[in-house]
Amino acid sequence: MRIKALLTLGVGIGATLVCYRSTAQQYGAPVEVGGNYNFVRSNAPPSGCGCFNLQGGGGVVLWHVSPRMEPLFKVSTTSSGTINGSSSNLKLTSYLFGARSGFHLNRILMPYGEAAVGVTHATGTVVTQGFGGGKAVVGATLGGGLLLDITPRLAIQAAQVDWYVTQVPNGVNNRQNNLLVSTGVLLRFGRTGMR
């Protein structure tokens, strides 16, 4: 599993660098860097919804390589210190590569879709109870959101909603279908006015 995770990470880095290098001169390739607050709704028992919340933050780097496509790398960490009133805890840290595509409705509003895959590292008593230590597993997100362009260099991520799939060992099916909601800011560096 560790080899699979490292291979996914390597392919993501390689694809991102190839896309960036091949189109940097053509489009000026400004870099966008963002920070966000993350809220995750997850479930503890696989057979039901002893649902609980995790909170945290993250960051994203996007390369504007064409008018409608941006390769991205994002990191996020969310945690819950007490799950359903118990002493159980969980921390999920994700390193994902993917792409974002969107279009402007007007000068301010930009809806977009996004998909990313990579490695999620799970730690905490929920993972260690009977399943060994912390686990690095495959993680993925699929969703979309809405950007509000405040200035050519600053945008607000009004909201992004993702289906956040993880494969943390749980003794039954080793799969979690989580809901990830995030909000934040995005700063643009390099040439602007290309969107």
Protein backbone atom coordinates (compact mmCIF):
# COMPACT_ATOMS: atom_id res chain seq x y z
CA MET A 1 0.00 0.00 0.00
CA ARG A 2 2.89 2.34 0.78
CA ILE A 3 4.36 1.79 -2.70
CA LYS A 4 0.97 2.57 -4.24
CA ALA A 5 0.75 5.81 -2.24
CA LEU A 6 4.28 6.88 -3.21
CA LEU A 7 3.62 6.02 -6.86
CA THR A 8 0.44 8.15 -6.83
CA LEU A 9 2.37 11.02 -5.24
CA GLY A 10 5.18 10.73 -7.83
CA VAL A 11 2.83 10.63 -10.82
CA GLY A 12 0.97 13.68 -9.49
CA ILE A 13 4.15 15.71 -9.04
CA GLY A 14 5.43 14.68 -12.48
CA ALA A 15 2.18 15.53 -14.27
CA THR A 16 1.96 18.89 -12.52
CA LEU A 17 5.54 19.83 -13.45
CA VAL A 18 5.11 18.75 -17.09
CA CYS A 19 1.91 20.79 -17.43
CA TYR A 20 3.50 23.81 -15.78
CA ARG A 21 6.69 23.74 -17.82
CA SER A 22 5.04 23.11 -21.20
CA THR A 23 2.59 25.99 -20.92
CA ALA A 24 4.35 28.51 -18.69
CA GLN A 25 5.66 30.59 -21.58
CA GLN A 26 2.44 30.39 -23.58
CA TYR A 27 0.10 31.63 -20.84
CA GLY A 28 2.41 33.40 -18.38
CA ALA A 29 1.28 30.75 -15.86
CA PRO A 30 0.50 32.78 -12.80
CA VAL A 31 0.57 30.79 -9.60
CA GLU A 32 -2.38 30.91 -7.23
CA VAL A 33 -1.93 30.15 -3.53
CA GLY A 34 -4.83 29.70 -1.15
CA GLY A 35 -5.59 28.97 2.47
CA ASN A 36 -8.86 27.61 3.79
CA TYR A 37 -10.92 26.37 6.71
CA ASN A 38 -12.16 22.77 6.34
CA PHE A 39 -15.17 21.03 7.87
CA VAL A 40 -15.54 17.26 7.36
CA ARG A 41 -18.61 15.17 8.19
CA SER A 42 -17.62 11.53 8.64
CA ASN A 43 -18.89 8.34 10.23
CA ALA A 44 -17.29 6.08 12.86
CA PRO A 45 -19.06 2.72 12.51
CA PRO A 46 -19.07 1.50 8.88
CA SER A 47 -22.55 -0.01 9.17
CA GLY A 48 -24.34 3.11 10.35
CA CYS A 49 -24.04 6.80 10.93
CA GLY A 50 -22.46 7.48 14.25
CA CYS A 51 -21.58 10.63 12.36
CA PHE A 52 -19.07 13.12 13.72
CA ASN A 53 -17.33 16.29 12.61
CA LEU A 54 -13.67 17.07 12.00
CA GLN A 55 -12.33 20.61 11.61
CA GLY A 56 -9.06 22.03 10.40
CA GLY A 57 -7.42 23.88 7.59
CA GLY A 58 -5.41 23.53 4.46
CA GLY A 59 -3.71 25.12 1.54
CA VAL A 60 -3.72 24.86 -2.23
CA VAL A 61 -1.33 25.80 -5.03
CA LEU A 62 -2.74 26.13 -8.57
CA TRP A 63 -0.93 26.78 -11.84
CA HIS A 64 -2.97 28.71 -14.40
CA VAL A 65 -1.75 26.87 -17.51
CA SER A 66 -4.68 27.53 -19.82
CA PRO A 67 -7.82 29.67 -19.83
CA ARG A 68 -9.93 26.87 -18.31
CA MET A 69 -7.58 24.36 -16.64
CA GLU A 70 -5.45 24.58 -13.52
CA PRO A 71 -3.37 21.67 -12.18
CA LEU A 72 -3.34 21.79 -8.40
CA PHE A 73 -1.70 20.44 -5.27
CA LYS A 74 -3.55 20.70 -1.98
CA VAL A 75 -2.75 19.80 1.60
CA SER A 76 -5.30 19.64 4.38
CA THR A 77 -5.49 18.44 7.94
CA THR A 78 -8.64 17.95 9.98
CA SER A 79 -9.13 16.44 13.41
CA SER A 80 -11.64 15.60 16.09
CA GLY A 81 -10.55 15.23 19.71
CA THR A 82 -13.72 13.57 20.93
CA ILE A 83 -15.84 11.42 18.66
CA ASN A 84 -19.48 11.12 19.72
CA GLY A 85 -18.68 12.04 23.33
CA SER A 86 -16.03 9.33 23.73
CA SER A 87 -12.28 9.61 24.20
CA SER A 88 -11.73 8.39 20.61
CA ASN A 89 -9.97 10.80 18.26
CA LEU A 90 -9.02 11.01 14.60
CA LYS A 91 -6.74 13.17 12.48
CA LEU A 92 -6.76 13.07 8.66
CA THR A 93 -3.94 14.73 6.70
CA SER A 94 -4.23 14.67 2.89
CA TYR A 95 -1.73 15.40 0.10
CA LEU A 96 -3.67 15.49 -3.16
CA PHE A 97 -2.92 16.32 -6.82
CA GLY A 98 -5.56 17.11 -9.39
CA ALA A 99 -7.09 19.78 -11.58
CA ARG A 100 -9.65 22.57 -11.41
CA SER A 101 -11.72 23.89 -14.29
CA GLY A 102 -14.12 26.82 -14.23
CA PHE A 103 -15.55 29.77 -16.10
CA HIS A 104 -16.60 33.30 -15.23
CA LEU A 105 -20.31 34.07 -15.13
CA ASN A 106 -19.39 37.75 -14.89
CA ARG A 107 -16.42 39.80 -13.63
CA ILE A 108 -16.85 38.52 -10.07
CA LEU A 109 -18.47 35.05 -9.99
CA MET A 110 -16.56 31.96 -11.07
CA PRO A 111 -18.05 28.50 -10.46
CA TYR A 112 -15.60 25.61 -10.84
CA GLY A 113 -15.28 21.86 -10.62
CA GLU A 114 -12.32 20.03 -9.13
CA ALA A 115 -10.97 16.50 -8.78
CA ALA A 116 -7.88 15.34 -6.90
CA VAL A 117 -6.29 12.08 -5.74
CA GLY A 118 -3.32 11.26 -3.54
CA VAL A 119 -2.38 10.12 -0.06
CA THR A 120 -4.34 10.52 3.18
CA HIS A 121 -2.58 9.82 6.46
CA ALA A 122 -4.89 8.79 9.30
CA THR A 123 -3.85 8.81 12.96
CA GLY A 124 -5.66 8.64 16.27
CA THR A 125 -7.35 6.09 18.50
CA VAL A 126 -10.01 5.32 15.88
CA VAL A 127 -7.25 4.01 13.58
CA THR A 128 -5.05 2.34 16.20
CA GLN A 129 -7.80 0.38 17.99
CA GLY A 130 -7.18 -3.07 16.54
CA PHE A 131 -5.79 -1.87 13.19
CA GLY A 132 -2.16 -1.04 14.02
CA GLY A 133 -0.57 2.41 13.91
CA GLY A 134 -1.23 5.39 11.68
CA LYS A 135 -2.09 4.52 8.10
CA ALA A 136 -1.20 6.14 4.77
CA VAL A 137 -4.03 5.30 2.39
CA VAL A 138 -5.45 6.48 -0.93
CA GLY A 139 -7.67 9.55 -0.66
CA ALA A 140 -9.61 11.51 -3.27
CA THR A 141 -11.94 14.48 -3.59
CA LEU A 142 -14.52 15.34 -6.23
CA GLY A 143 -16.64 18.46 -6.11
CA GLY A 144 -16.84 22.12 -6.89
CA GLY A 145 -17.23 25.59 -5.57
CA LEU A 146 -17.63 29.28 -6.19
CA LEU A 147 -14.88 31.93 -6.30
CA LEU A 148 -15.60 35.62 -5.84
CA ASP A 149 -12.93 37.74 -7.58
CA ILE A 150 -12.38 40.76 -5.35
CA THR A 151 -9.34 42.14 -7.23
CA PRO A 152 -7.14 40.67 -9.99
CA ARG A 153 -4.84 39.38 -7.21
CA LEU A 154 -7.39 38.33 -4.56
CA ALA A 155 -10.36 35.97 -4.61
CA ILE A 156 -12.61 34.63 -1.89
CA GLN A 157 -13.53 30.96 -2.00
CA ALA A 158 -17.13 31.43 -0.94
CA ALA A 159 -17.68 27.69 -0.58
CA GLN A 160 -16.40 24.42 -1.93
CA VAL A 161 -18.21 21.13 -1.38
CA ASP A 162 -16.45 17.82 -2.04
CA TRP A 163 -17.12 14.12 -1.81
CA TYR A 164 -14.01 13.10 0.16
CA VAL A 165 -13.26 9.37 -0.13
CA THR A 166 -10.74 7.71 2.19
CA GLN A 167 -9.73 4.08 2.66
CA VAL A 168 -8.82 3.97 6.34
CA PRO A 169 -8.93 0.43 7.85
CA ASN A 170 -12.16 0.02 9.83
CA GLY A 171 -12.59 -3.75 10.12
CA VAL A 172 -15.45 -3.95 7.61
CA ASN A 173 -15.00 -2.34 4.19
CA ASN A 174 -12.08 0.08 4.70
CA ARG A 175 -13.90 2.91 2.90
CA GLN A 176 -15.32 6.19 4.12
CA ASN A 177 -17.55 8.55 2.13
CA ASN A 178 -17.02 11.92 3.80
CA LEU A 179 -18.46 15.35 3.10
CA LEU A 180 -15.82 18.12 2.94
CA VAL A 181 -16.92 21.77 3.02
CA SER A 182 -14.31 24.53 2.85
CA THR A 183 -14.03 28.30 2.57
CA GLY A 184 -11.00 30.55 2.26
CA VAL A 185 -8.94 33.04 0.27
CA LEU A 186 -6.86 32.76 -2.91
CA LEU A 187 -3.91 35.00 -3.81
CA ARG A 188 -2.63 35.28 -7.39
CA PHE A 189 1.01 35.83 -8.30
CA GLY A 190 2.52 36.47 -11.74
CA ARG A 191 0.72 37.98 -14.73
CA THR A 192 -2.98 38.62 -14.29
CA GLY A 193 -5.81 39.61 -16.57
CA MET A 194 -5.73 36.23 -18.32
CA ARG A 195 -8.93 34.82 -16.86
